[in-house]
Protein backbone atom coordinates (compact mmCIF):
# COMPACT_ATOMS: atom_id res chain seq x y z
CA UNK A 1 203.47 -194.03 -111.61
CA UNK A 2 204.86 -192.68 -114.87
CA UNK A 3 204.90 -193.51 -118.50
CA UNK A 4 206.51 -192.43 -121.84
CA UNK A 5 209.95 -192.88 -120.29
CA UNK A 6 209.55 -190.19 -117.56
CA UNK A 7 211.86 -190.58 -114.51
CA UNK A 8 211.14 -189.90 -110.84
CA UNK A 9 213.93 -187.33 -110.86
CA UNK A 10 211.81 -184.98 -112.83
CA UNK A 11 209.29 -184.80 -110.13
CA UNK A 12 211.43 -184.98 -106.96
CA UNK A 13 211.03 -181.32 -106.14
CA UNK A 14 207.24 -181.73 -106.13
CA UNK A 15 207.32 -185.18 -104.21
CA UNK A 16 209.76 -183.80 -101.58
CA UNK A 17 207.52 -180.70 -101.17
CA UNK A 18 204.55 -182.98 -100.48
CA UNK A 19 206.49 -185.17 -98.06
CA UNK A 20 208.22 -182.11 -96.29
CA UNK A 21 204.51 -181.15 -95.47
CA UNK A 22 203.66 -184.19 -93.71
CA UNK A 23 202.38 -186.44 -96.55
CA UNK A 24 203.30 -189.99 -97.38
CA UNK A 25 204.04 -190.15 -101.14
CA UNK A 26 203.91 -193.25 -103.04
CA UNK A 27 205.27 -193.19 -106.75
CA UNK A 28 204.37 -196.39 -108.29
CA UNK A 29 205.99 -197.88 -111.36
CA UNK A 30 204.58 -200.16 -113.95
CA UNK A 31 207.66 -202.55 -114.35
CA UNK A 32 210.23 -200.79 -112.40
CA UNK A 33 212.49 -197.60 -112.41
CA UNK A 34 214.81 -198.78 -115.24
CA UNK A 35 212.34 -201.06 -117.06
CA UNK A 36 209.77 -198.28 -117.46
CA UNK A 37 212.18 -196.18 -119.45
CA UNK A 38 212.54 -197.92 -122.86
CA UNK A 39 210.87 -199.29 -124.75
CA UNK A 40 207.84 -197.21 -123.92
CA UNK A 41 205.73 -198.40 -121.14
CA UNK A 42 202.16 -197.16 -120.67
CA UNK A 43 199.07 -197.72 -118.48
CA UNK A 44 195.94 -195.46 -118.34
CA UNK A 45 193.45 -197.55 -116.34
CA UNK A 46 194.63 -196.41 -112.71
CA UNK A 47 195.69 -200.01 -111.75
CA UNK A 48 199.11 -198.88 -110.37
CA UNK A 49 197.65 -195.97 -108.38
CA UNK A 50 195.32 -198.44 -106.73
CA UNK A 51 198.22 -200.83 -106.07
CA UNK A 52 200.16 -197.82 -104.54
CA UNK A 53 197.28 -197.06 -102.21
CA UNK A 54 197.01 -200.71 -101.30
CA UNK A 55 200.60 -200.78 -100.46
CA UNK A 56 200.22 -197.82 -98.27
CA UNK A 57 197.41 -199.53 -96.50
CA UNK A 58 199.35 -202.68 -96.00
CA UNK A 59 202.42 -200.75 -94.52
CA UNK A 60 200.17 -198.78 -92.28
CA UNK A 61 198.87 -202.01 -90.81
CA UNK A 62 202.27 -203.76 -90.62
CA UNK A 63 203.45 -203.71 -87.10
CA UNK A 64 206.99 -204.42 -88.18
CA UNK A 65 207.28 -201.27 -90.14
CA UNK A 66 208.14 -198.81 -87.33
CA UNK A 67 208.30 -195.76 -89.69
CA UNK A 68 204.63 -196.12 -91.00
CA UNK A 69 202.76 -198.39 -88.72
CA UNK A 70 199.46 -196.78 -87.77
CA UNK A 71 200.84 -193.42 -88.98
CA UNK A 72 199.24 -193.18 -92.45
CA UNK A 73 195.83 -191.39 -92.51
CA UNK A 74 194.00 -193.69 -94.93
CA UNK A 75 190.97 -191.70 -94.54
CA UNK A 76 192.35 -188.74 -96.41
CA UNK A 77 193.85 -189.49 -99.69
CA UNK A 78 194.85 -187.31 -102.57
CA UNK A 79 195.58 -188.83 -106.07
CA UNK A 80 197.48 -186.70 -108.45
CA UNK A 81 198.91 -187.18 -111.86
CA UNK A 82 200.23 -185.36 -115.06
CA UNK A 83 199.51 -186.16 -118.47
CA UNK A 84 198.99 -189.99 -118.82
CA UNK A 85 199.31 -189.87 -115.01
CA UNK A 86 196.38 -187.57 -114.96
CA UNK A 87 194.32 -190.04 -116.88
CA UNK A 88 195.38 -192.79 -114.39
CA UNK A 89 194.31 -190.37 -111.69
CA UNK A 90 190.93 -189.96 -113.13
CA UNK A 91 190.42 -193.53 -113.73
CA UNK A 92 191.67 -194.49 -110.04
CA UNK A 93 189.44 -191.91 -108.63
CA UNK A 94 186.42 -193.17 -110.58
CA UNK A 95 187.12 -196.73 -109.52
CA UNK A 96 187.48 -195.69 -105.89
CA UNK A 97 184.19 -193.70 -105.96
CA UNK A 98 182.14 -196.32 -107.51
CA UNK A 99 183.59 -199.73 -106.40
CA UNK A 100 182.37 -200.91 -103.03
CA UNK A 101 185.09 -203.60 -102.87
CA UNK A 102 187.82 -200.93 -103.45
CA UNK A 103 191.05 -200.86 -101.51
CA UNK A 104 189.78 -198.04 -99.37
CA UNK A 105 186.27 -196.60 -98.48
CA UNK A 106 185.12 -194.06 -101.17
CA UNK A 107 184.96 -191.32 -98.56
CA UNK A 108 188.63 -191.64 -98.03
CA UNK A 109 189.32 -189.97 -101.45
CA UNK A 110 189.43 -186.29 -100.72
CA UNK A 111 190.79 -185.03 -103.99
CA UNK A 112 191.86 -186.08 -107.43
CA UNK A 113 194.31 -183.67 -109.03
CA UNK A 114 194.92 -183.79 -112.84
CA UNK A 115 197.38 -181.81 -114.68
CA UNK A 116 197.09 -181.90 -118.47
CA UNK A 117 195.31 -185.29 -118.73
CA UNK A 118 196.25 -187.27 -121.88
CA UNK A 119 195.84 -190.68 -123.02
CA UNK A 120 199.06 -192.56 -123.87
CA UNK A 121 199.91 -192.60 -127.44
CA UNK A 122 198.55 -189.07 -128.21
CA UNK A 123 201.73 -187.32 -127.50
CA UNK A 124 204.67 -189.42 -127.04
CA UNK A 125 206.67 -186.32 -125.76
CA UNK A 126 204.42 -186.08 -122.74
CA UNK A 127 206.05 -186.62 -119.34
CA UNK A 128 203.75 -188.29 -116.98
CA UNK A 129 203.40 -189.34 -113.31
CA UNK A 130 201.01 -190.45 -110.77
CA UNK A 131 201.34 -189.99 -106.96
CA UNK A 132 199.36 -191.22 -104.07
CA UNK A 133 199.56 -188.74 -101.18
CA UNK A 134 198.39 -189.48 -97.72
CA UNK A 135 198.61 -187.45 -94.65
CA UNK A 136 200.36 -188.79 -91.58
CA UNK A 137 198.21 -188.92 -88.38
């Protein structure tokens, strides 16, 4: 997920690095790749990271998805973000750690990485993203 008009292309080198090391990378959007650019679209409650994890869980159980079926390690999840995305990561990690009805068991979250956490509106020049990274089994 991103905000403040950031684009996935800004993060592709890092995302590709994660993927090249055997991780499934989920980069969620709020409204969509084009719709999230302008006007400014923000989110800081972690909702879209949680949706990304839920989507990964669904695809891991989807027998018609030959690329991902039963290949995602849903017991080893890293949540990462930068700026507003870091705030989202903190919120998603907190919800996953305390909510017994969370999309995955709280023990599945192995790490929450935050890079320059910020709340949207504080710095409109911040570039933000959130990613959900799951290792393939």
